[in-house]
Protein backbone atom coordinates (compact mmCIF):
# COMPACT_ATOMS: atom_id res chain seq x y z
CA MET A 1 0.12 -0.18 -0.02
CA ARG A 2 2.68 2.38 1.41
CA LYS A 3 4.69 1.87 -2.61
CA ILE A 4 1.44 2.54 -4.41
CA SER A 5 1.23 5.70 -2.71
CA ILE A 6 4.54 6.69 -3.28
CA THR A 7 4.63 5.81 -6.79
CA SER A 8 1.34 7.65 -7.50
CA LEU A 9 2.93 10.57 -5.71
CA LEU A 10 6.11 10.65 -8.11
CA THR A 11 3.65 10.05 -10.66
CA ALA A 12 1.84 13.20 -10.18
CA LEU A 13 4.76 15.28 -9.30
CA VAL A 14 6.15 14.21 -13.00
CA GLY A 15 2.87 15.46 -14.65
CA LEU A 16 2.93 18.86 -12.66
CA GLY A 17 5.99 19.45 -14.21
CA ALA A 18 5.58 18.71 -17.64
CA LEU A 19 1.84 20.74 -17.59
CA SER A 20 4.74 23.36 -16.62
CA LEU A 21 6.80 22.74 -19.84
CA LEU A 22 3.69 22.97 -21.58
CA ALA A 23 2.85 26.89 -20.96
CA PHE A 24 6.43 27.51 -21.71
CA PRO A 25 5.70 27.54 -25.70
CA ALA A 26 3.54 30.44 -25.11
CA GLN A 27 6.10 32.38 -23.84
CA ALA A 28 8.71 32.08 -27.07
CA ASP A 29 8.31 35.39 -28.36
CA ASN A 30 10.08 36.65 -25.20
CA LEU A 31 13.58 34.18 -25.82
CA GLN A 32 16.32 35.51 -27.61
CA LEU A 33 19.03 33.27 -28.85
CA GLU A 34 22.56 35.01 -28.53
CA LEU A 35 25.02 33.69 -30.43
CA GLY A 36 28.47 35.19 -29.75
CA LYS A 37 32.10 34.85 -28.84
CA HIS A 38 31.55 33.38 -25.61
CA GLY A 39 28.97 30.40 -27.19
CA PRO A 40 25.30 30.45 -27.47
CA ARG A 41 22.99 31.86 -24.75
CA LEU A 42 19.29 32.43 -24.57
CA LYS A 43 17.93 35.39 -22.63
CA LEU A 44 14.69 36.27 -21.71
CA MET A 45 13.30 39.45 -22.79
CA GLU A 46 11.60 40.35 -19.45
CA ASP A 47 15.18 40.22 -18.00
CA CYS A 48 16.19 43.26 -20.22
CA ASP A 49 15.97 46.46 -18.43
CA PRO A 50 16.25 49.50 -20.59
CA ALA A 51 17.96 51.61 -18.03
CA TYR A 52 20.45 48.95 -17.04
CA ASP A 53 20.97 46.83 -20.50
CA ASP A 54 21.28 47.69 -23.75
CA CYS A 55 19.05 44.98 -25.04
CA GLU A 56 20.52 44.80 -28.24
CA GLY A 57 23.91 44.69 -27.11
CA PRO A 58 26.57 44.18 -24.30
CA ARG A 59 25.63 45.56 -20.97
CA ARG A 60 27.30 49.02 -19.62
CA ASP A 61 29.72 47.55 -17.45
CA ASP A 62 31.54 46.15 -21.11
CA ARG A 63 32.34 49.09 -22.20
CA ARG A 64 36.00 48.48 -21.48
CA ASP A 65 36.09 45.32 -23.02
CA ARG A 66 34.47 47.09 -26.19
CA ARG A 67 37.16 49.82 -25.69
CA GLN A 68 40.15 47.04 -25.79
CA SER A 69 38.34 45.61 -28.77
CA ARG A 70 38.64 48.72 -30.90
CA GLY A 71 42.76 48.37 -30.34
CA CYS A 72 45.18 45.67 -31.38
CA THR A 73 44.75 42.46 -29.80
CA GLU A 74 47.80 39.45 -30.35
CA ASP A 75 45.42 38.05 -32.72
CA ARG A 76 45.20 41.39 -35.00
CA ALA A 77 49.15 41.55 -35.03
CA LEU A 78 49.53 38.28 -36.30
CA ASP A 79 47.24 38.90 -38.88
CA LYS A 80 48.86 41.90 -39.97
CA ALA A 81 52.19 40.33 -39.45
CA ASP A 82 50.86 37.66 -41.99
CA ARG A 83 50.07 40.47 -44.39
CA MET A 84 53.08 42.30 -44.32
CA GLY A 85 54.67 38.83 -45.36
CA ILE A 86 56.04 37.42 -41.96
CA ARG A 87 55.75 33.59 -41.79
CA ARG A 88 55.92 31.36 -38.92
CA ALA A 89 55.18 34.68 -36.73
CA ARG A 90 54.88 33.89 -33.41
CA ILE A 91 54.22 36.04 -29.88
CA GLU A 92 57.17 37.17 -28.40
CA SER A 93 55.96 39.57 -25.75
CA VAL A 94 52.88 41.53 -24.83
CA GLY A 95 52.77 44.69 -22.87
CA ARG A 96 50.39 47.60 -22.13
CA ARG A 97 51.45 49.56 -24.98
CA GLU A 98 52.67 47.06 -27.24
CA ILE A 99 52.85 43.88 -28.70
CA THR A 100 56.26 42.28 -29.97
CA VAL A 101 56.06 39.54 -33.02
CA ARG A 102 58.59 37.38 -34.48
CA GLY A 103 58.88 35.21 -37.36
CA ARG A 104 60.75 34.99 -40.62
CA GLN A 105 60.87 37.06 -44.05
CA GLY A 106 62.72 35.89 -46.62
CA GLY A 107 64.94 33.72 -44.91
CA ASP A 108 65.89 36.47 -42.85
CA ARG A 109 64.68 36.42 -38.85
CA VAL A 110 62.10 39.39 -38.40
CA ARG A 111 61.26 41.01 -35.11
CA VAL A 112 58.32 43.95 -35.41
CA THR A 113 56.41 45.87 -32.51
CA PHE A 114 53.08 46.68 -33.20
CA GLY A 115 51.47 49.10 -30.76
CA THR A 116 48.31 48.78 -29.01
CA GLU A 117 46.33 51.12 -30.59
CA ARG A 118 43.48 50.98 -33.35
CA GLY A 119 45.04 49.27 -36.03
CA CYS A 120 48.01 47.86 -34.69
CA PRO A 121 50.82 50.68 -35.85
CA ILE A 122 54.41 49.60 -36.49
CA LEU A 123 56.77 51.00 -33.59
CA ASP A 124 59.36 49.30 -34.45
CA ARG A 125 61.01 46.55 -36.97
CA GLU A 126 64.46 44.70 -36.99
């Protein structure tokens, strides 16, 4: 008798859980799927508060990340070195104001120092 009542109780709980899922598709217009560099993310539009969020883009807290993304990164420095004809380019050092890349060009060893500003300006070339 007790075994039957526990089984029926568990079945009722599973049934109630399934009923709550049936109401979910009715709210599908409030879901937003974001595909970004950190992977896919589901976001409820009710969570978006225009006073604190830019509902179309990153939060205001991410201003610094957006500023840095405009500057020169290690990947951008390697891409620019590749466009300059430097083969087997690799990062030698990264500082606050400069990124140094080493590689080969025309059989010679080459070292190029890029600034971290926008466009990866060339500061030094050896």
